Amino acid sequence: QVQLVESGGGLVHPGGSLRLSCAASGFTFSSYAMSWYRQAPGKQRELVARISSTGGNINYAESAKGRFTISRDNAKNTGYLQMNSLKPEDTAVYYCNVKRVAIIREYWGQGTQVTVSS
C-alpha cells in the first residue's frame, strides 16, 4: 500500500522555522523525484521545491529561495523541507508529492497545515 505521510506542520511566529517530513512507504522512494507543494485558502496549489530522485538536482520557487531547503534521505525513505524565516504568506497546507515520469506515476500525501502568525 502506497503511503506518503507528512508531519512537522504547526503554528509558528513570523521569523520562525519548521521542518516538514514526508515518510514514504509501499513503493521505491529512491526512484521518484519529490516535490513540496502548498495551497493557501482560496488559492491554487503551487510548487514550492523539487528534488530529483538522487538529490542531485534541486529547484525552488522564487518565494522559497534563500529561506527553504529541500532534502531527502533515500535510506530512510523520507523527504524534508526545512523552512526558515517564515512569513504569514507562507501559511498554507503543505503537500508532499512524488513523481516518476518514466512510468507516468505520482502520489500525494494528505497534507500538513503550516500557520505563520503572531
Protein backbone atom coordinates (compact mmCIF):
# COMPACT_ATOMS: atom_id res chain seq x y z
CA GLN A 1 0.00 0.00 0.00
CA VAL A 2 1.45 3.33 -1.11
CA GLN A 3 1.68 5.94 1.60
CA LEU A 4 3.12 9.43 1.89
CA VAL A 5 2.74 10.82 5.36
CA GLU A 6 3.65 14.42 6.06
CA SER A 7 4.45 15.71 9.51
CA GLY A 8 6.04 18.70 11.18
CA GLY A 9 3.47 21.36 10.46
CA GLY A 10 2.09 23.67 13.09
CA LEU A 11 1.75 27.23 14.32
CA VAL A 12 4.86 29.38 14.29
CA HIS A 13 5.58 33.07 14.74
CA PRO A 14 6.88 35.17 11.86
CA GLY A 15 10.60 34.64 11.54
CA GLY A 16 10.40 31.17 12.99
CA SER A 17 11.30 27.81 11.50
CA LEU A 18 9.66 24.48 10.82
CA ARG A 19 10.91 21.24 9.36
CA LEU A 20 8.42 19.19 7.41
CA SER A 21 8.93 15.48 6.84
CA CYS A 22 7.44 13.16 4.25
CA ALA A 23 7.66 9.48 5.09
CA ALA A 24 7.18 7.16 2.12
CA SER A 25 6.25 3.50 2.03
CA GLY A 26 4.86 0.95 -0.39
CA PHE A 27 6.99 1.95 -3.36
CA THR A 28 10.62 2.55 -4.30
CA PHE A 29 11.07 6.07 -2.97
CA SER A 30 14.59 6.40 -4.36
CA SER A 31 13.24 6.08 -7.92
CA TYR A 32 10.94 9.08 -7.63
CA ALA A 33 11.53 12.80 -7.76
CA MET A 34 9.99 14.53 -4.77
CA SER A 35 8.32 17.89 -4.51
CA TRP A 36 6.66 20.02 -1.89
CA TYR A 37 3.57 21.97 -2.89
CA ARG A 38 1.40 24.27 -0.86
CA GLN A 39 -2.13 25.55 -1.08
CA ALA A 40 -3.39 28.59 0.77
CA PRO A 41 -7.11 29.21 1.28
CA GLY A 42 -8.72 30.42 -1.91
CA LYS A 43 -5.58 29.90 -3.95
CA GLN A 44 -4.30 27.28 -6.35
CA ARG A 45 -1.80 24.70 -5.27
CA GLU A 46 1.71 25.86 -6.08
CA LEU A 47 5.09 24.23 -6.30
CA VAL A 48 7.48 25.16 -3.52
CA ALA A 49 10.52 23.00 -4.21
CA ARG A 50 11.56 19.90 -6.14
CA ILE A 51 14.41 17.45 -5.72
CA SER A 52 15.46 14.73 -8.12
CA SER A 53 15.48 11.07 -7.17
CA THR A 54 19.18 11.14 -6.30
CA GLY A 55 19.12 14.61 -4.79
CA GLY A 56 21.47 15.96 -7.41
CA ASN A 57 19.03 18.42 -8.93
CA ILE A 58 17.03 20.89 -6.84
CA ASN A 59 14.71 23.70 -7.82
CA TYR A 60 12.87 26.29 -5.75
CA ALA A 61 10.02 28.67 -6.33
CA GLU A 62 11.10 32.28 -6.08
CA SER A 63 9.18 32.63 -2.83
CA ALA A 64 11.21 29.81 -1.28
CA LYS A 65 14.70 30.68 -2.45
CA GLY A 66 17.08 31.54 0.36
CA ARG A 67 14.64 30.51 3.07
CA PHE A 68 13.62 26.91 2.37
CA THR A 69 15.78 23.84 1.86
CA ILE A 70 14.51 20.61 0.35
CA SER A 71 16.37 17.39 1.02
CA ARG A 72 15.88 13.65 1.09
CA ASP A 73 17.29 10.56 2.73
CA ASN A 74 16.65 7.63 0.45
CA ALA A 75 17.96 5.18 3.03
CA LYS A 76 15.16 6.32 5.34
CA ASN A 77 12.54 6.74 2.58
CA THR A 78 11.95 10.24 3.83
CA GLY A 79 11.98 13.71 2.36
CA TYR A 80 12.24 17.02 4.15
CA LEU A 81 11.51 20.70 3.79
CA GLN A 82 13.36 22.99 6.15
CA MET A 83 11.60 26.33 6.31
CA ASN A 84 13.31 29.32 7.90
CA SER A 85 12.38 32.98 8.21
CA LEU A 86 8.73 32.10 7.85
CA LYS A 87 6.27 34.78 6.83
CA PRO A 88 2.48 34.99 7.24
CA GLU A 89 2.16 34.49 3.49
CA ASP A 90 3.73 31.05 3.91
CA THR A 91 0.56 29.94 5.68
CA ALA A 92 -0.89 27.02 3.73
CA VAL A 93 -1.40 23.29 3.66
CA TYR A 94 1.86 21.73 2.51
CA TYR A 95 1.76 18.58 0.42
CA CYS A 96 4.42 16.07 -0.43
CA ASN A 97 4.40 14.75 -4.00
CA VAL A 98 6.49 12.08 -5.66
CA LYS A 99 6.64 11.50 -9.38
CA ARG A 100 8.30 9.06 -11.70
CA VAL A 101 7.94 10.42 -15.21
CA ALA A 102 9.19 7.29 -16.97
CA ILE A 103 6.18 5.28 -15.83
CA ILE A 104 3.77 8.24 -15.53
CA ARG A 105 3.11 7.66 -11.87
CA GLU A 106 2.78 10.04 -8.97
CA TYR A 107 1.50 10.05 -5.43
CA TRP A 108 0.36 12.72 -2.99
CA GLY A 109 0.40 12.95 0.75
CA GLN A 110 -2.57 14.14 2.79
CA GLY A 111 -1.02 17.49 3.65
CA THR A 112 0.13 19.23 6.80
CA GLN A 113 -1.02 22.65 7.94
CA VAL A 114 1.52 25.41 8.41
CA THR A 115 0.30 28.60 10.03
CA VAL A 116 2.55 31.61 10.46
CA SER A 117 1.01 34.16 12.76
CA SER A 118 1.87 36.39 15.66
